[in-house]
Amino acid sequence: MMKELNPTITCQDGFTMSVQGSEYNYSTPREDNPPNGYTHVECGFPSSTPVTSALLDYAECGGNTEYTKTVYPYTPVEVVQAELDAHGGIATGCLPGRG
């Protein structure tokens, strides 16, 4: 049975993004509910183009400008947190493994 998806994260300024970690996602470790959490997660489909260049570097959109219509595989949690912080922090939701 597949792990339930992590709810979409919404930031203080309204920015939203899917952030997932499981055996079926591009995450490290690639397992459900790892005891020590995730070091890398899969992000996807942000509501607007990310503002941090570090997150943009992980986009699978192949250099075009479709940053809101793509996945960001194996993104370090610190890079994701920096993007969320740039949008005022998390209003609702949480990073996977951080309940």
N, C-alpha and C. Protein backbone atom coordinates (compact mmCIF):
# COMPACT_ATOMS: atom_id res chain seq x y z
N MET A 1 0.83 -1.18 0.00
CA MET A 1 0.00 0.00 0.00
C MET A 1 0.88 1.25 0.00
N MET A 2 0.51 2.20 -0.83
CA MET A 2 1.29 3.43 -0.97
C MET A 2 1.04 4.37 0.21
N LYS A 3 2.10 5.03 0.68
CA LYS A 3 2.02 6.01 1.76
C LYS A 3 1.15 7.18 1.32
N GLU A 4 0.36 7.71 2.25
CA GLU A 4 -0.47 8.87 1.97
C GLU A 4 0.41 10.07 1.62
N LEU A 5 -0.03 10.87 0.67
CA LEU A 5 0.74 12.05 0.28
C LEU A 5 0.82 13.06 1.41
N ASN A 6 1.94 13.73 1.49
CA ASN A 6 2.11 14.83 2.42
C ASN A 6 1.25 15.99 1.91
N PRO A 7 0.48 16.65 2.77
CA PRO A 7 -0.34 17.77 2.30
C PRO A 7 0.51 18.87 1.68
N THR A 8 -0.06 19.57 0.71
CA THR A 8 0.62 20.70 0.09
C THR A 8 0.99 21.72 1.16
N ILE A 9 2.19 22.25 1.06
CA ILE A 9 2.65 23.28 1.99
C ILE A 9 2.19 24.64 1.46
N THR A 10 1.63 25.43 2.34
CA THR A 10 1.26 26.81 2.03
C THR A 10 2.08 27.72 2.93
N CYS A 11 2.70 28.73 2.32
CA CYS A 11 3.53 29.67 3.08
C CYS A 11 2.71 30.89 3.48
N GLN A 12 3.30 31.71 4.34
CA GLN A 12 2.65 32.91 4.86
C GLN A 12 2.20 33.87 3.76
N ASP A 13 2.94 33.91 2.64
CA ASP A 13 2.59 34.83 1.56
C ASP A 13 1.68 34.19 0.51
N GLY A 14 1.22 32.94 0.75
CA GLY A 14 0.32 32.27 -0.19
C GLY A 14 1.00 31.31 -1.16
N PHE A 15 2.31 31.32 -1.22
CA PHE A 15 3.06 30.39 -2.07
C PHE A 15 2.74 28.96 -1.63
N THR A 16 2.51 28.07 -2.60
CA THR A 16 2.27 26.67 -2.30
C THR A 16 3.21 25.78 -3.10
N MET A 17 3.49 24.60 -2.54
CA MET A 17 4.35 23.64 -3.22
C MET A 17 4.14 22.26 -2.61
N SER A 18 4.14 21.25 -3.45
CA SER A 18 4.10 19.87 -2.99
C SER A 18 5.51 19.47 -2.58
N VAL A 19 5.65 18.85 -1.41
CA VAL A 19 6.94 18.35 -0.94
C VAL A 19 6.69 16.93 -0.41
N GLN A 20 7.32 15.95 -1.06
CA GLN A 20 7.05 14.55 -0.76
C GLN A 20 8.32 13.77 -0.45
N GLY A 21 8.15 12.71 0.32
CA GLY A 21 9.21 11.76 0.60
C GLY A 21 8.58 10.40 0.84
N SER A 22 9.04 9.39 0.11
CA SER A 22 8.54 8.02 0.28
C SER A 22 9.37 7.09 -0.60
N GLU A 23 9.03 5.82 -0.55
CA GLU A 23 9.73 4.86 -1.41
C GLU A 23 9.42 5.09 -2.88
N TYR A 24 8.36 5.84 -3.17
CA TYR A 24 7.94 6.10 -4.55
C TYR A 24 8.33 7.48 -5.06
N ASN A 25 8.95 8.29 -4.21
CA ASN A 25 9.34 9.65 -4.59
C ASN A 25 10.84 9.75 -4.75
N TYR A 26 11.26 10.84 -5.39
CA TYR A 26 12.68 11.14 -5.54
C TYR A 26 13.19 11.75 -4.24
N SER A 27 13.38 10.90 -3.24
CA SER A 27 13.81 11.35 -1.92
C SER A 27 14.93 10.46 -1.41
N THR A 28 15.64 10.96 -0.41
CA THR A 28 16.69 10.18 0.25
C THR A 28 16.46 10.26 1.75
N PRO A 29 16.34 9.14 2.42
CA PRO A 29 16.29 7.79 1.86
C PRO A 29 14.99 7.58 1.09
N ARG A 30 15.03 6.60 0.24
CA ARG A 30 13.87 6.31 -0.59
C ARG A 30 13.06 5.22 0.11
N GLU A 31 12.40 5.63 1.19
CA GLU A 31 11.58 4.72 1.99
C GLU A 31 10.49 5.53 2.67
N ASP A 32 9.49 4.85 3.17
CA ASP A 32 8.40 5.50 3.89
C ASP A 32 8.81 5.72 5.34
N ASN A 33 8.55 6.91 5.87
CA ASN A 33 8.74 7.23 7.27
C ASN A 33 10.09 6.79 7.84
N PRO A 34 11.21 7.24 7.26
CA PRO A 34 12.51 6.83 7.80
C PRO A 34 12.70 7.37 9.22
N PRO A 35 13.34 6.59 10.09
CA PRO A 35 13.48 6.99 11.49
C PRO A 35 14.23 8.30 11.70
N ASN A 36 15.14 8.64 10.80
CA ASN A 36 15.92 9.87 10.95
C ASN A 36 15.48 10.96 9.98
N GLY A 37 14.32 10.80 9.38
CA GLY A 37 13.80 11.80 8.44
C GLY A 37 14.48 11.72 7.08
N TYR A 38 14.20 12.69 6.25
CA TYR A 38 14.74 12.75 4.88
C TYR A 38 15.84 13.81 4.79
N THR A 39 16.87 13.51 4.02
CA THR A 39 17.89 14.52 3.73
C THR A 39 17.57 15.23 2.42
N HIS A 40 16.86 14.52 1.51
CA HIS A 40 16.47 15.06 0.21
C HIS A 40 15.02 14.68 -0.04
N VAL A 41 14.25 15.60 -0.62
CA VAL A 41 12.84 15.36 -0.88
C VAL A 41 12.51 15.72 -2.32
N GLU A 42 11.34 15.31 -2.74
CA GLU A 42 10.83 15.64 -4.07
C GLU A 42 9.85 16.80 -3.92
N CYS A 43 10.11 17.88 -4.62
CA CYS A 43 9.20 19.03 -4.65
C CYS A 43 8.54 19.07 -6.02
N GLY A 44 7.43 19.76 -6.09
CA GLY A 44 6.80 19.88 -7.39
C GLY A 44 5.72 20.92 -7.45
N PHE A 45 5.55 21.44 -8.64
CA PHE A 45 4.43 22.28 -9.02
C PHE A 45 4.21 23.46 -8.07
N PRO A 46 5.26 24.27 -7.85
CA PRO A 46 5.08 25.45 -7.02
C PRO A 46 4.08 26.41 -7.66
N SER A 47 3.42 27.20 -6.84
CA SER A 47 2.39 28.11 -7.35
C SER A 47 2.98 29.30 -8.11
N SER A 48 4.25 29.58 -7.90
CA SER A 48 4.96 30.62 -8.66
C SER A 48 6.41 30.19 -8.79
N THR A 49 7.14 30.82 -9.70
CA THR A 49 8.54 30.48 -9.88
C THR A 49 9.30 30.68 -8.57
N PRO A 50 10.06 29.67 -8.14
CA PRO A 50 10.83 29.81 -6.90
C PRO A 50 11.72 31.05 -6.94
N VAL A 51 11.92 31.65 -5.77
CA VAL A 51 12.73 32.86 -5.68
C VAL A 51 14.19 32.56 -5.36
N THR A 52 14.49 31.37 -4.86
CA THR A 52 15.88 31.04 -4.55
C THR A 52 16.51 30.32 -5.74
N SER A 53 17.69 30.76 -6.12
CA SER A 53 18.37 30.12 -7.26
C SER A 53 18.74 28.68 -6.92
N ALA A 54 18.96 28.39 -5.64
CA ALA A 54 19.32 27.03 -5.24
C ALA A 54 18.20 26.05 -5.60
N LEU A 55 16.95 26.41 -5.36
CA LEU A 55 15.85 25.51 -5.72
C LEU A 55 15.70 25.41 -7.24
N LEU A 56 15.85 26.51 -7.94
CA LEU A 56 15.74 26.50 -9.41
C LEU A 56 16.71 25.50 -10.04
N ASP A 57 17.88 25.33 -9.41
CA ASP A 57 18.88 24.40 -9.95
C ASP A 57 18.40 22.95 -9.98
N TYR A 58 17.38 22.60 -9.19
CA TYR A 58 16.88 21.23 -9.13
C TYR A 58 15.71 20.97 -10.07
N ALA A 59 15.22 21.99 -10.75
CA ALA A 59 14.05 21.85 -11.62
C ALA A 59 14.35 20.92 -12.79
N GLU A 60 13.38 20.07 -13.10
CA GLU A 60 13.50 19.15 -14.25
C GLU A 60 13.03 19.77 -15.55
N CYS A 61 12.73 21.04 -15.57
CA CYS A 61 12.13 21.65 -16.76
C CYS A 61 13.12 21.88 -17.90
N GLY A 62 14.33 21.44 -17.76
CA GLY A 62 15.28 21.45 -18.86
C GLY A 62 15.70 22.81 -19.36
N GLY A 63 15.73 23.82 -18.48
CA GLY A 63 16.22 25.12 -18.88
C GLY A 63 15.16 26.06 -19.43
N ASN A 64 13.93 25.54 -19.68
CA ASN A 64 12.90 26.49 -20.09
C ASN A 64 12.36 27.18 -18.85
N THR A 65 11.32 27.95 -18.97
CA THR A 65 10.84 28.74 -17.84
C THR A 65 9.56 28.19 -17.21
N GLU A 66 9.28 26.94 -17.39
CA GLU A 66 8.07 26.32 -16.84
C GLU A 66 8.31 25.81 -15.42
N TYR A 67 8.83 26.66 -14.56
CA TYR A 67 9.18 26.26 -13.20
C TYR A 67 7.99 25.87 -12.34
N THR A 68 6.78 26.27 -12.73
CA THR A 68 5.60 25.92 -11.95
C THR A 68 4.96 24.62 -12.42
N LYS A 69 5.47 24.06 -13.49
CA LYS A 69 4.88 22.85 -14.07
C LYS A 69 5.86 21.69 -14.10
N THR A 70 6.71 21.60 -13.09
CA THR A 70 7.75 20.58 -13.11
C THR A 70 8.01 20.03 -11.71
N VAL A 71 8.87 19.02 -11.67
CA VAL A 71 9.27 18.36 -10.43
C VAL A 71 10.72 18.75 -10.13
N TYR A 72 11.05 18.77 -8.85
CA TYR A 72 12.38 19.11 -8.35
C TYR A 72 12.87 17.89 -7.56
N PRO A 73 13.50 16.91 -8.23
CA PRO A 73 13.88 15.66 -7.55
C PRO A 73 15.11 15.81 -6.66
N TYR A 74 15.15 14.96 -5.63
CA TYR A 74 16.31 14.86 -4.73
C TYR A 74 16.84 16.24 -4.29
N THR A 75 15.92 17.07 -3.82
CA THR A 75 16.29 18.42 -3.37
C THR A 75 16.65 18.37 -1.88
N PRO A 76 17.83 18.88 -1.51
CA PRO A 76 18.20 18.89 -0.09
C PRO A 76 17.15 19.64 0.74
N VAL A 77 16.84 19.11 1.90
CA VAL A 77 15.84 19.71 2.77
C VAL A 77 16.21 21.16 3.09
N GLU A 78 17.49 21.47 3.23
CA GLU A 78 17.92 22.83 3.53
C GLU A 78 17.56 23.80 2.41
N VAL A 79 17.63 23.34 1.17
CA VAL A 79 17.26 24.17 0.02
C VAL A 79 15.76 24.44 0.03
N VAL A 80 14.98 23.41 0.33
CA VAL A 80 13.53 23.56 0.42
C VAL A 80 13.18 24.53 1.55
N GLN A 81 13.81 24.36 2.70
CA GLN A 81 13.53 25.23 3.84
C GLN A 81 13.86 26.68 3.52
N ALA A 82 14.95 26.92 2.79
CA ALA A 82 15.34 28.28 2.42
C ALA A 82 14.27 28.91 1.52
N GLU A 83 13.71 28.13 0.61
CA GLU A 83 12.64 28.64 -0.25
C GLU A 83 11.41 28.97 0.57
N LEU A 84 11.03 28.07 1.46
CA LEU A 84 9.86 28.30 2.31
C LEU A 84 10.07 29.53 3.20
N ASP A 85 11.27 29.69 3.74
CA ASP A 85 11.59 30.86 4.56
C ASP A 85 11.50 32.15 3.74
N ALA A 86 11.89 32.09 2.46
CA ALA A 86 11.83 33.27 1.59
C ALA A 86 10.39 33.72 1.35
N HIS A 87 9.45 32.83 1.62
CA HIS A 87 8.02 33.15 1.46
C HIS A 87 7.35 33.37 2.82
N GLY A 88 8.14 33.66 3.83
CA GLY A 88 7.60 33.97 5.14
C GLY A 88 7.43 32.78 6.05
N GLY A 89 7.86 31.60 5.60
CA GLY A 89 7.73 30.39 6.41
C GLY A 89 6.42 29.67 6.15
N ILE A 90 6.29 28.51 6.76
CA ILE A 90 5.13 27.64 6.55
C ILE A 90 3.93 28.17 7.36
N ALA A 91 2.80 28.32 6.66
CA ALA A 91 1.54 28.67 7.32
C ALA A 91 0.75 27.40 7.62
N THR A 92 0.68 26.49 6.63
CA THR A 92 0.03 25.20 6.83
C THR A 92 0.84 24.12 6.14
N GLY A 93 0.80 22.92 6.72
CA GLY A 93 1.55 21.80 6.18
C GLY A 93 2.88 21.68 6.89
N CYS A 94 3.69 20.73 6.44
CA CYS A 94 5.01 20.51 7.02
C CYS A 94 5.85 19.71 6.05
N LEU A 95 7.15 19.73 6.27
CA LEU A 95 8.05 18.92 5.47
C LEU A 95 7.82 17.45 5.83
N PRO A 96 7.93 16.53 4.87
CA PRO A 96 7.75 15.11 5.18
C PRO A 96 8.73 14.66 6.25
N GLY A 97 8.25 13.83 7.16
CA GLY A 97 9.10 13.32 8.21
C GLY A 97 9.28 14.29 9.36
N ARG A 98 8.62 15.43 9.28
CA ARG A 98 8.76 16.43 10.34
C ARG A 98 7.43 16.75 11.01
N GLY A 99 6.42 15.86 10.76
CA GLY A 99 5.09 15.89 11.33
C GLY A 99 4.65 17.10 11.97
